[in-house]
């Protein structure tokens, strides 16, 4: 069974509750299309060609899926298997968007996000956190420390590009929007 079949299989089980076996894998794309909303009814807005993306995940499979999805639409893809290597790439390669797994060997994704936000070279790069964990608390915490988006594994191509689309400016460049302070000072006229 190929990499995409495995992803579709996992996605179908979580979305439809249908258990599949290798003999029924061939029917999976038809099952998925019957259960998912029609994604092609509206035009997708992509980042400009050549956008530099960094994926930080300890799974070679996840890295390969991200690379396949992003490079097929013109992204330049950089990959790292741990946070330390990812931080180094982010500082040296003029990265424009980062996909950061929460559970990593060594430094975890939350610590890496804190480092990114404190560094003048990386603080304005939009970061989308990714995790296989179902805890809503992680999404809340990621937002509190400056994540721009949150994706749960397994994800679809549509999930990925919807996250990116929400971060694009008028020039089709992904942008980080700093969080406003909770209690801004009152201004007197």
N, C-alpha and C. Protein backbone atom coordinates (compact mmCIF):
# COMPACT_ATOMS: atom_id res chain seq x y z
N UNK A 1 0.86 -1.18 0.00
CA UNK A 1 0.00 0.00 0.00
C UNK A 1 0.90 1.23 0.00
N UNK A 2 0.64 2.20 -0.89
CA UNK A 2 1.47 3.38 -1.02
C UNK A 2 1.22 4.40 0.09
N UNK A 3 2.07 5.43 0.12
CA UNK A 3 2.01 6.45 1.16
C UNK A 3 0.68 7.20 1.16
N UNK A 4 0.19 7.54 -0.04
CA UNK A 4 -1.06 8.30 -0.09
C UNK A 4 -2.26 7.42 0.24
N UNK A 5 -2.20 6.15 -0.12
CA UNK A 5 -3.27 5.22 0.24
C UNK A 5 -3.36 5.10 1.76
N UNK A 6 -2.18 5.04 2.41
CA UNK A 6 -2.19 4.96 3.88
C UNK A 6 -2.79 6.22 4.48
N UNK A 7 -2.44 7.38 3.94
CA UNK A 7 -3.00 8.63 4.45
C UNK A 7 -4.51 8.66 4.25
N UNK A 8 -4.97 8.29 3.04
CA UNK A 8 -6.41 8.25 2.78
C UNK A 8 -7.09 7.26 3.71
N UNK A 9 -6.47 6.13 3.96
CA UNK A 9 -7.04 5.11 4.83
C UNK A 9 -7.23 5.65 6.24
N UNK A 10 -6.19 6.30 6.77
CA UNK A 10 -6.27 6.87 8.11
C UNK A 10 -7.33 7.96 8.15
N UNK A 11 -7.34 8.82 7.12
CA UNK A 11 -8.30 9.91 7.09
C UNK A 11 -9.73 9.38 7.03
N UNK A 12 -9.95 8.36 6.21
CA UNK A 12 -11.30 7.80 6.07
C UNK A 12 -11.78 7.20 7.39
N UNK A 13 -10.90 6.53 8.11
CA UNK A 13 -11.31 5.95 9.39
C UNK A 13 -11.70 7.04 10.37
N UNK A 14 -10.96 8.16 10.39
CA UNK A 14 -11.29 9.21 11.35
C UNK A 14 -12.50 10.01 10.95
N UNK A 15 -12.74 10.17 9.65
CA UNK A 15 -13.86 10.98 9.20
C UNK A 15 -15.16 10.21 9.07
N UNK A 16 -15.08 8.95 8.67
CA UNK A 16 -16.30 8.21 8.38
C UNK A 16 -16.55 7.07 9.36
N UNK A 17 -15.53 6.73 10.17
CA UNK A 17 -15.67 5.62 11.09
C UNK A 17 -15.63 4.28 10.38
N UNK A 18 -15.32 4.27 9.09
CA UNK A 18 -15.29 3.04 8.30
C UNK A 18 -13.91 2.41 8.42
N UNK A 19 -13.85 1.17 8.83
CA UNK A 19 -12.59 0.43 8.86
C UNK A 19 -12.36 -0.16 7.48
N UNK A 20 -11.14 -0.04 7.01
CA UNK A 20 -10.85 -0.58 5.68
C UNK A 20 -9.76 -1.64 5.78
N UNK A 21 -9.73 -2.50 4.79
CA UNK A 21 -8.66 -3.48 4.69
C UNK A 21 -8.00 -3.29 3.33
N UNK A 22 -6.84 -3.92 3.09
CA UNK A 22 -6.14 -3.69 1.83
C UNK A 22 -6.98 -3.96 0.59
N UNK A 23 -7.94 -4.90 0.63
CA UNK A 23 -8.75 -5.17 -0.55
C UNK A 23 -9.71 -4.03 -0.86
N UNK A 24 -10.13 -3.28 0.15
CA UNK A 24 -11.09 -2.20 -0.11
C UNK A 24 -10.41 -0.85 -0.27
N UNK A 25 -9.08 -0.79 -0.16
CA UNK A 25 -8.38 0.48 -0.30
C UNK A 25 -8.66 1.14 -1.65
N UNK A 26 -8.85 0.34 -2.69
CA UNK A 26 -9.06 0.90 -4.02
C UNK A 26 -10.34 1.72 -4.09
N UNK A 27 -11.33 1.44 -3.25
CA UNK A 27 -12.59 2.19 -3.28
C UNK A 27 -12.55 3.41 -2.39
N UNK A 28 -11.46 3.60 -1.65
CA UNK A 28 -11.39 4.68 -0.68
C UNK A 28 -11.57 6.07 -1.28
N UNK A 29 -10.92 6.43 -2.38
CA UNK A 29 -11.14 7.77 -2.91
C UNK A 29 -12.62 8.04 -3.22
N UNK A 30 -13.36 7.04 -3.70
CA UNK A 30 -14.79 7.23 -3.96
C UNK A 30 -15.56 7.43 -2.67
N UNK A 31 -15.20 6.68 -1.61
CA UNK A 31 -15.86 6.85 -0.31
C UNK A 31 -15.59 8.25 0.22
N UNK A 32 -14.34 8.71 0.09
CA UNK A 32 -14.00 10.04 0.59
C UNK A 32 -14.77 11.12 -0.15
N UNK A 33 -14.85 11.02 -1.46
CA UNK A 33 -15.53 12.06 -2.21
C UNK A 33 -17.01 12.14 -1.85
N UNK A 34 -17.59 11.02 -1.41
CA UNK A 34 -19.00 11.02 -1.02
C UNK A 34 -19.20 11.65 0.35
N UNK A 35 -18.16 11.65 1.22
CA UNK A 35 -18.32 12.16 2.58
C UNK A 35 -17.80 13.57 2.78
N UNK A 36 -16.96 14.06 1.87
CA UNK A 36 -16.37 15.38 2.04
C UNK A 36 -17.12 16.42 1.22
N UNK A 37 -17.15 17.66 1.70
CA UNK A 37 -17.78 18.72 0.90
C UNK A 37 -16.99 18.94 -0.39
N UNK A 38 -17.68 19.37 -1.41
CA UNK A 38 -17.04 19.62 -2.69
C UNK A 38 -16.06 20.78 -2.55
N UNK A 39 -14.76 20.50 -2.67
CA UNK A 39 -13.74 21.51 -2.47
C UNK A 39 -13.41 22.29 -3.73
N UNK A 40 -13.89 21.83 -4.85
CA UNK A 40 -13.53 22.47 -6.11
C UNK A 40 -14.58 23.48 -6.56
N UNK A 41 -15.53 23.78 -5.75
CA UNK A 41 -16.56 24.75 -6.14
C UNK A 41 -16.05 26.17 -6.12
N UNK A 42 -15.00 26.41 -5.36
CA UNK A 42 -14.44 27.76 -5.33
C UNK A 42 -12.97 27.69 -5.74
N UNK A 43 -12.50 28.77 -6.26
CA UNK A 43 -11.13 28.84 -6.73
C UNK A 43 -10.19 28.96 -5.53
N UNK A 44 -9.18 28.10 -5.48
CA UNK A 44 -8.19 28.17 -4.41
C UNK A 44 -7.20 29.27 -4.72
N UNK A 45 -6.83 30.03 -3.70
CA UNK A 45 -5.82 31.06 -3.83
C UNK A 45 -4.51 30.50 -3.28
N UNK A 46 -3.49 30.47 -4.12
CA UNK A 46 -2.19 29.95 -3.71
C UNK A 46 -1.21 31.08 -3.46
N UNK A 47 -0.19 30.78 -2.66
CA UNK A 47 0.92 31.72 -2.50
C UNK A 47 1.65 31.83 -3.83
N UNK A 48 2.39 32.89 -4.00
CA UNK A 48 3.12 33.07 -5.26
C UNK A 48 4.13 31.95 -5.44
N UNK A 49 4.42 31.63 -6.69
CA UNK A 49 5.40 30.58 -7.01
C UNK A 49 6.75 30.97 -6.41
N UNK A 50 7.46 29.98 -5.88
CA UNK A 50 8.77 30.22 -5.30
C UNK A 50 8.74 30.53 -3.81
N UNK A 51 7.55 30.54 -3.20
CA UNK A 51 7.46 30.76 -1.75
C UNK A 51 8.28 29.69 -1.04
N UNK A 52 9.11 30.12 -0.10
CA UNK A 52 10.01 29.21 0.62
C UNK A 52 9.34 28.70 1.90
N UNK A 53 9.10 27.40 1.94
CA UNK A 53 8.42 26.77 3.09
C UNK A 53 9.40 25.84 3.80
N UNK A 54 9.27 25.79 5.12
CA UNK A 54 10.06 24.88 5.94
C UNK A 54 9.10 23.96 6.69
N UNK A 55 9.35 22.66 6.60
CA UNK A 55 8.56 21.68 7.34
C UNK A 55 9.48 21.06 8.37
N UNK A 56 9.07 21.12 9.64
CA UNK A 56 9.84 20.53 10.72
C UNK A 56 8.98 19.42 11.33
N UNK A 57 9.36 18.18 11.07
CA UNK A 57 8.62 17.01 11.55
C UNK A 57 9.58 15.84 11.60
N UNK A 58 9.44 14.99 12.61
CA UNK A 58 10.35 13.85 12.74
C UNK A 58 9.92 12.64 11.92
N UNK A 59 8.83 12.75 11.18
CA UNK A 59 8.36 11.65 10.35
C UNK A 59 8.75 11.87 8.89
N UNK A 60 9.59 11.00 8.33
CA UNK A 60 9.91 11.13 6.91
C UNK A 60 8.67 11.04 6.01
N UNK A 61 7.67 10.29 6.43
CA UNK A 61 6.43 10.18 5.65
C UNK A 61 5.71 11.52 5.59
N UNK A 62 5.58 12.18 6.72
CA UNK A 62 4.91 13.49 6.75
C UNK A 62 5.70 14.50 5.93
N UNK A 63 7.03 14.48 6.05
CA UNK A 63 7.86 15.39 5.26
C UNK A 63 7.64 15.16 3.76
N UNK A 64 7.55 13.90 3.36
CA UNK A 64 7.35 13.57 1.94
C UNK A 64 5.99 14.05 1.45
N UNK A 65 4.95 13.91 2.27
CA UNK A 65 3.61 14.36 1.87
C UNK A 65 3.59 15.88 1.73
N UNK A 66 4.14 16.59 2.71
CA UNK A 66 4.21 18.05 2.62
C UNK A 66 4.96 18.46 1.35
N UNK A 67 6.11 17.84 1.13
CA UNK A 67 6.91 18.20 -0.03
C UNK A 67 6.14 17.97 -1.33
N UNK A 68 5.45 16.86 -1.43
CA UNK A 68 4.66 16.54 -2.62
C UNK A 68 3.57 17.60 -2.84
N UNK A 69 2.80 17.90 -1.80
CA UNK A 69 1.72 18.87 -1.92
C UNK A 69 2.26 20.26 -2.29
N UNK A 70 3.29 20.72 -1.57
CA UNK A 70 3.78 22.08 -1.75
C UNK A 70 4.58 22.26 -3.04
N UNK A 71 5.47 21.33 -3.33
CA UNK A 71 6.30 21.50 -4.53
C UNK A 71 5.46 21.41 -5.81
N UNK A 72 4.34 20.69 -5.76
CA UNK A 72 3.49 20.59 -6.95
C UNK A 72 2.84 21.92 -7.33
N UNK A 73 2.81 22.86 -6.40
CA UNK A 73 2.24 24.18 -6.70
C UNK A 73 3.30 25.28 -6.70
N UNK A 74 4.58 24.89 -6.77
CA UNK A 74 5.63 25.87 -6.97
C UNK A 74 6.37 26.35 -5.74
N UNK A 75 6.14 25.75 -4.59
CA UNK A 75 6.89 26.13 -3.39
C UNK A 75 8.31 25.58 -3.46
N UNK A 76 9.24 26.27 -2.83
CA UNK A 76 10.58 25.76 -2.59
C UNK A 76 10.52 25.19 -1.17
N UNK A 77 10.77 23.88 -1.04
CA UNK A 77 10.56 23.20 0.23
C UNK A 77 11.89 22.86 0.91
N UNK A 78 11.97 23.25 2.19
CA UNK A 78 13.10 22.88 3.05
C UNK A 78 12.52 21.98 4.13
N UNK A 79 13.33 20.99 4.58
CA UNK A 79 12.82 20.03 5.56
C UNK A 79 13.83 19.85 6.69
N UNK A 80 13.30 19.57 7.89
CA UNK A 80 14.14 19.26 9.05
C UNK A 80 13.45 18.21 9.88
N UNK A 81 14.24 17.27 10.41
CA UNK A 81 13.70 16.19 11.23
C UNK A 81 13.64 16.53 12.72
N UNK A 82 14.22 17.68 13.12
CA UNK A 82 14.15 18.10 14.52
C UNK A 82 14.15 19.62 14.59
N UNK A 83 13.78 20.14 15.75
CA UNK A 83 13.62 21.59 15.92
C UNK A 83 14.94 22.33 15.78
N UNK A 84 16.01 21.79 16.31
CA UNK A 84 17.30 22.47 16.26
C UNK A 84 17.74 22.70 14.81
N UNK A 85 17.64 21.67 13.98
CA UNK A 85 17.99 21.81 12.56
C UNK A 85 17.03 22.78 11.86
N UNK A 86 15.75 22.72 12.21
CA UNK A 86 14.77 23.62 11.63
C UNK A 86 15.03 25.08 11.96
N UNK A 87 15.40 25.35 13.21
CA UNK A 87 15.71 26.73 13.60
C UNK A 87 16.89 27.26 12.81
N UNK A 88 17.89 26.43 12.60
CA UNK A 88 19.06 26.84 11.83
C UNK A 88 18.68 27.17 10.38
N UNK A 89 17.87 26.32 9.78
CA UNK A 89 17.41 26.57 8.41
C UNK A 89 16.60 27.86 8.35
N UNK A 90 15.71 28.07 9.30
CA UNK A 90 14.86 29.27 9.32
C UNK A 90 15.70 30.53 9.40
N UNK A 91 16.79 30.49 10.13
CA UNK A 91 17.65 31.66 10.30
C UNK A 91 18.50 31.93 9.06
N UNK A 92 18.79 30.90 8.27
CA UNK A 92 19.74 31.05 7.17
C UNK A 92 19.11 31.10 5.78
N UNK A 93 17.87 30.68 5.60
CA UNK A 93 17.32 30.48 4.25
C UNK A 93 16.20 31.44 3.84
N UNK A 94 15.92 32.49 4.55
CA UNK A 94 14.83 33.41 4.21
C UNK A 94 13.52 32.67 4.01
N UNK A 95 13.16 31.86 4.98
CA UNK A 95 11.93 31.08 4.95
C UNK A 95 10.73 32.01 5.06
N UNK A 96 9.64 31.68 4.35
CA UNK A 96 8.45 32.53 4.36
C UNK A 96 7.26 31.92 5.09
N UNK A 97 7.27 30.60 5.34
CA UNK A 97 6.22 29.95 6.11
C UNK A 97 6.80 28.66 6.70
N UNK A 98 6.40 28.36 7.94
CA UNK A 98 6.90 27.18 8.64
C UNK A 98 5.75 26.31 9.09
N UNK A 99 5.88 25.00 8.88
CA UNK A 99 4.96 24.00 9.42
C UNK A 99 5.75 23.25 10.49
N UNK A 100 5.30 23.33 11.74
CA UNK A 100 6.08 22.87 12.87
C UNK A 100 5.30 21.85 13.69
N UNK A 101 5.84 20.63 13.75
CA UNK A 101 5.22 19.58 14.56
C UNK A 101 5.43 19.90 16.04
N UNK A 102 4.49 19.55 16.87
CA UNK A 102 4.60 19.80 18.31
C UNK A 102 5.49 18.76 18.98
N UNK A 103 5.29 17.49 18.65
CA UNK A 103 6.05 16.41 19.28
C UNK A 103 7.29 16.10 18.44
N UNK A 104 8.44 16.54 18.91
CA UNK A 104 9.70 16.33 18.22
C UNK A 104 10.74 15.78 19.18
N UNK A 105 11.74 15.07 18.67
CA UNK A 105 12.83 14.63 19.55
C UNK A 105 13.65 15.85 19.98
N UNK A 106 14.16 15.83 21.20
CA UNK A 106 14.91 16.99 21.70
C UNK A 106 13.95 18.12 22.02
N UNK A 107 14.19 19.28 21.44
CA UNK A 107 13.33 20.44 21.66
C UNK A 107 11.96 20.21 21.03
N UNK A 108 10.88 20.44 21.79
CA UNK A 108 9.54 20.25 21.22
C UNK A 108 9.12 21.49 20.41
N UNK A 109 7.99 21.37 19.73
CA UNK A 109 7.53 22.43 18.86
C UNK A 109 7.17 23.72 19.58
N UNK A 110 6.66 23.63 20.81
CA UNK A 110 6.33 24.84 21.56
C UNK A 110 7.60 25.63 21.88
N UNK A 111 8.65 24.94 22.30
CA UNK A 111 9.93 25.62 22.58
C UNK A 111 10.50 26.22 21.31
N UNK A 112 10.41 25.48 20.22
CA UNK A 112 10.91 25.99 18.93
C UNK A 112 10.14 27.25 18.53
N UNK A 113 8.83 27.25 18.72
CA UNK A 113 8.02 28.42 18.38
C UNK A 113 8.45 29.63 19.22
N UNK A 114 8.71 29.41 20.51
CA UNK A 114 9.18 30.50 21.36
C UNK A 114 10.50 31.06 20.83
N UNK A 115 11.42 30.19 20.43
CA UNK A 115 12.70 30.64 19.86
C UNK A 115 12.48 31.44 18.58
N UNK A 116 11.59 30.96 17.72
CA UNK A 116 11.30 31.67 16.48
C UNK A 116 10.77 33.07 16.74
N UNK A 117 9.89 33.21 17.71
CA UNK A 117 9.26 34.50 18.00
C UNK A 117 10.21 35.47 18.69
N UNK A 118 11.24 34.95 19.36
CA UNK A 118 12.20 35.82 20.06
C UNK A 118 13.35 36.29 19.17
N UNK A 119 13.57 35.61 18.07
CA UNK A 119 14.69 35.91 17.17
C UNK A 119 14.25 36.94 16.13
N UNK A 120 15.00 38.04 16.01
CA UNK A 120 14.65 39.10 15.06
C UNK A 120 14.60 38.59 13.63
N UNK A 121 15.40 37.57 13.30
CA UNK A 121 15.44 37.06 11.93
C UNK A 121 14.21 36.21 11.60
N UNK A 122 13.53 35.66 12.61
CA UNK A 122 12.44 34.71 12.35
C UNK A 122 11.11 35.09 12.98
N UNK A 123 11.06 36.13 13.74
CA UNK A 123 9.85 36.42 14.52
C UNK A 123 8.62 36.72 13.67
N UNK A 124 8.82 37.16 12.43
CA UNK A 124 7.67 37.52 11.59
C UNK A 124 7.29 36.44 10.59
N UNK A 125 7.90 35.26 10.69
CA UNK A 125 7.55 34.16 9.79
C UNK A 125 6.27 33.50 10.31
N UNK A 126 5.25 33.35 9.46
CA UNK A 126 4.05 32.66 9.92
C UNK A 126 4.36 31.18 10.21
N UNK A 127 3.80 30.69 11.32
CA UNK A 127 4.03 29.30 11.75
C UNK A 127 2.70 28.60 11.94
N UNK A 128 2.57 27.46 11.27
CA UNK A 128 1.39 26.61 11.44
C UNK A 128 1.84 25.37 12.19
N UNK A 129 1.27 25.17 13.37
CA UNK A 129 1.61 24.01 14.20
C UNK A 129 0.85 22.79 13.69
N UNK A 130 1.49 21.62 13.76
CA UNK A 130 0.85 20.38 13.34
C UNK A 130 1.04 19.33 14.43
N UNK A 131 0.03 18.50 14.62
CA UNK A 131 0.11 17.46 15.63
C UNK A 131 -0.86 16.33 15.30
N UNK A 132 -0.54 15.16 15.79
CA UNK A 132 -1.44 14.02 15.69
C UNK A 132 -2.28 13.87 16.94
N UNK A 133 -2.03 14.67 17.95
CA UNK A 133 -2.75 14.61 19.21
C UNK A 133 -4.09 15.32 19.07
N UNK A 134 -5.11 14.78 19.70
CA UNK A 134 -6.46 15.34 19.59
C UNK A 134 -6.78 16.39 20.66
N UNK A 135 -5.84 16.74 21.52
CA UNK A 135 -6.12 17.65 22.62
C UNK A 135 -6.33 19.08 22.14
N UNK A 136 -7.46 19.65 22.44
CA UNK A 136 -7.76 21.04 22.06
C UNK A 136 -6.88 22.01 22.82
N UNK A 137 -6.38 21.61 23.98
CA UNK A 137 -5.52 22.47 24.79
C UNK A 137 -4.26 22.86 24.03
N UNK A 138 -3.72 21.94 23.21
CA UNK A 138 -2.53 22.26 22.43
C UNK A 138 -2.80 23.40 21.46
N UNK A 139 -3.96 23.38 20.83
CA UNK A 139 -4.31 24.44 19.89
C UNK A 139 -4.39 25.78 20.62
N UNK A 140 -5.01 25.79 21.78
CA UNK A 140 -5.13 27.01 22.58
C UNK A 140 -3.75 27.54 22.95
N UNK A 141 -2.89 26.64 23.43
CA UNK A 141 -1.56 27.04 23.87
C UNK A 141 -0.72 27.54 22.70
N UNK A 142 -0.80 26.87 21.56
CA UNK A 142 -0.05 27.27 20.38
C UNK A 142 -0.44 28.69 19.96
N UNK A 143 -1.73 29.00 20.03
CA UNK A 143 -2.19 30.34 19.70
C UNK A 143 -1.68 31.38 20.68
N UNK A 144 -1.63 31.01 21.94
CA UNK A 144 -1.16 31.94 22.98
C UNK A 144 0.30 32.34 22.78
N UNK A 145 1.12 31.41 22.27
CA UNK A 145 2.54 31.74 22.13
C UNK A 145 2.92 32.15 20.71
N UNK A 146 1.94 32.38 19.86
CA UNK A 146 2.22 33.00 18.59
C UNK A 146 2.09 32.18 17.34
N UNK A 147 1.43 31.02 17.40
CA UNK A 147 1.20 30.25 16.18
C UNK A 147 0.14 30.96 15.33
N UNK A 148 0.27 30.83 14.03
CA UNK A 148 -0.67 31.46 13.10
C UNK A 148 -1.74 30.50 12.63
N UNK A 149 -1.56 29.22 12.88
CA UNK A 149 -2.53 28.22 12.46
C UNK A 149 -2.24 26.91 13.16
N UNK A 150 -3.17 25.96 13.00
CA UNK A 150 -3.06 24.68 13.69
C UNK A 150 -3.70 23.62 12.81
N UNK A 151 -2.95 22.55 12.53
CA UNK A 151 -3.48 21.44 11.72
C UNK A 151 -3.29 20.14 12.47
N UNK A 152 -4.30 19.28 12.40
CA UNK A 152 -4.21 17.95 12.99
C UNK A 152 -3.88 16.93 11.93
N UNK A 153 -3.03 15.98 12.29
CA UNK A 153 -2.72 14.86 11.39
C UNK A 153 -3.77 13.79 11.63
N UNK A 154 -4.18 13.06 10.64
CA UNK A 154 -3.81 13.24 9.24
C UNK A 154 -4.55 14.43 8.65
N UNK A 155 -3.96 15.04 7.65
CA UNK A 155 -4.54 16.20 7.00
C UNK A 155 -4.65 15.92 5.51
N UNK A 156 -5.47 16.70 4.86
CA UNK A 156 -5.64 16.57 3.41
C UNK A 156 -4.93 17.73 2.72
N UNK A 157 -4.80 17.62 1.43
CA UNK A 157 -4.24 18.70 0.62
C UNK A 157 -5.09 19.97 0.81
N UNK A 158 -6.39 19.79 0.84
CA UNK A 158 -7.30 20.91 1.03
C UNK A 158 -7.07 21.59 2.39
N UNK A 159 -6.91 20.79 3.45
CA UNK A 159 -6.63 21.35 4.79
C UNK A 159 -5.39 22.23 4.75
N UNK A 160 -4.34 21.71 4.12
CA UNK A 160 -3.07 22.42 4.05
C UNK A 160 -3.22 23.77 3.35
N UNK A 161 -3.85 23.76 2.17
CA UNK A 161 -3.94 24.99 1.40
C UNK A 161 -4.95 25.98 1.98
N UNK A 162 -5.95 25.51 2.72
CA UNK A 162 -6.84 26.44 3.42
C UNK A 162 -6.09 27.19 4.52
N UNK A 163 -5.21 26.49 5.23
CA UNK A 163 -4.40 27.14 6.26
C UNK A 163 -3.52 28.23 5.65
N UNK A 164 -2.88 27.90 4.54
CA UNK A 164 -1.99 28.86 3.88
C UNK A 164 -2.79 30.05 3.36
N UNK A 165 -3.92 29.78 2.73
CA UNK A 165 -4.74 30.84 2.14
C UNK A 165 -5.13 31.89 3.17
N UNK A 166 -5.39 31.46 4.40
CA UNK A 166 -5.77 32.39 5.45
C UNK A 166 -4.66 33.33 5.89
N UNK A 167 -3.43 33.06 5.47
CA UNK A 167 -2.29 33.88 5.86
C UNK A 167 -1.75 34.76 4.74
N UNK A 168 -2.35 34.69 3.56
CA UNK A 168 -1.81 35.42 2.41
C UNK A 168 -2.23 36.89 2.42
N UNK A 169 -1.26 37.75 2.08
CA UNK A 169 -1.58 39.16 1.93
C UNK A 169 -1.99 39.44 0.48
N UNK A 170 -2.17 40.70 0.11
CA UNK A 170 -2.62 41.03 -1.24
C UNK A 170 -1.60 40.67 -2.31
N UNK A 171 -0.33 40.49 -1.92
CA UNK A 171 0.71 40.09 -2.87
C UNK A 171 0.93 38.57 -2.89
N UNK A 172 0.04 37.83 -2.22
CA UNK A 172 0.09 36.36 -2.13
C UNK A 172 1.32 35.87 -1.39
N UNK A 173 1.74 36.63 -0.38
CA UNK A 173 2.85 36.26 0.49
C UNK A 173 2.28 35.92 1.86
N UNK A 174 2.66 34.78 2.44
CA UNK A 174 2.19 34.45 3.79
C UNK A 174 2.72 35.46 4.81
N UNK A 175 1.86 35.93 5.69
CA UNK A 175 2.24 36.94 6.69
C UNK A 175 1.84 36.50 8.09
N UNK A 176 2.73 36.80 9.05
CA UNK A 176 2.45 36.59 10.47
C UNK A 176 1.78 37.86 10.98
N UNK A 177 0.67 37.68 11.66
CA UNK A 177 -0.02 38.82 12.26
C UNK A 177 0.19 38.75 13.76
N UNK A 178 1.01 39.65 14.32
CA UNK A 178 1.24 39.63 15.76
C UNK A 178 -0.07 39.77 16.53
N UNK A 179 -0.16 39.06 17.63
CA UNK A 179 -1.35 39.10 18.47
C UNK A 179 -1.42 40.43 19.21
N UNK A 180 -2.60 41.06 19.23
CA UNK A 180 -2.73 42.31 20.00
C UNK A 180 -2.65 42.02 21.49
N UNK A 181 -2.20 43.02 22.24
CA UNK A 181 -2.14 42.87 23.70
C UNK A 181 -3.55 42.72 24.24
N UNK A 182 -3.68 41.98 25.35
CA UNK A 182 -5.00 41.73 25.93
C UNK A 182 -5.64 43.01 26.46
N UNK A 183 -4.85 43.86 27.07
CA UNK A 183 -5.38 45.10 27.64
C UNK A 183 -4.56 46.27 27.12
N UNK A 184 -4.85 46.74 25.90
CA UNK A 184 -4.07 47.86 25.38
C UNK A 184 -4.33 49.11 26.22
N UNK A 185 -3.31 49.98 26.34
CA UNK A 185 -3.50 51.20 27.14
C UNK A 185 -4.57 52.08 26.51
N UNK A 186 -5.32 52.73 27.35
CA UNK A 186 -6.34 53.66 26.88
C UNK A 186 -5.69 54.91 26.33
N UNK A 187 -6.21 55.40 25.23
CA UNK A 187 -5.68 56.64 24.66
C UNK A 187 -6.69 57.75 24.91
N UNK A 188 -6.19 58.84 25.41
CA UNK A 188 -7.06 59.98 25.69
C UNK A 188 -6.98 60.97 24.55
N UNK A 189 -8.13 61.53 24.19
CA UNK A 189 -8.17 62.49 23.10
C UNK A 189 -7.81 63.87 23.55
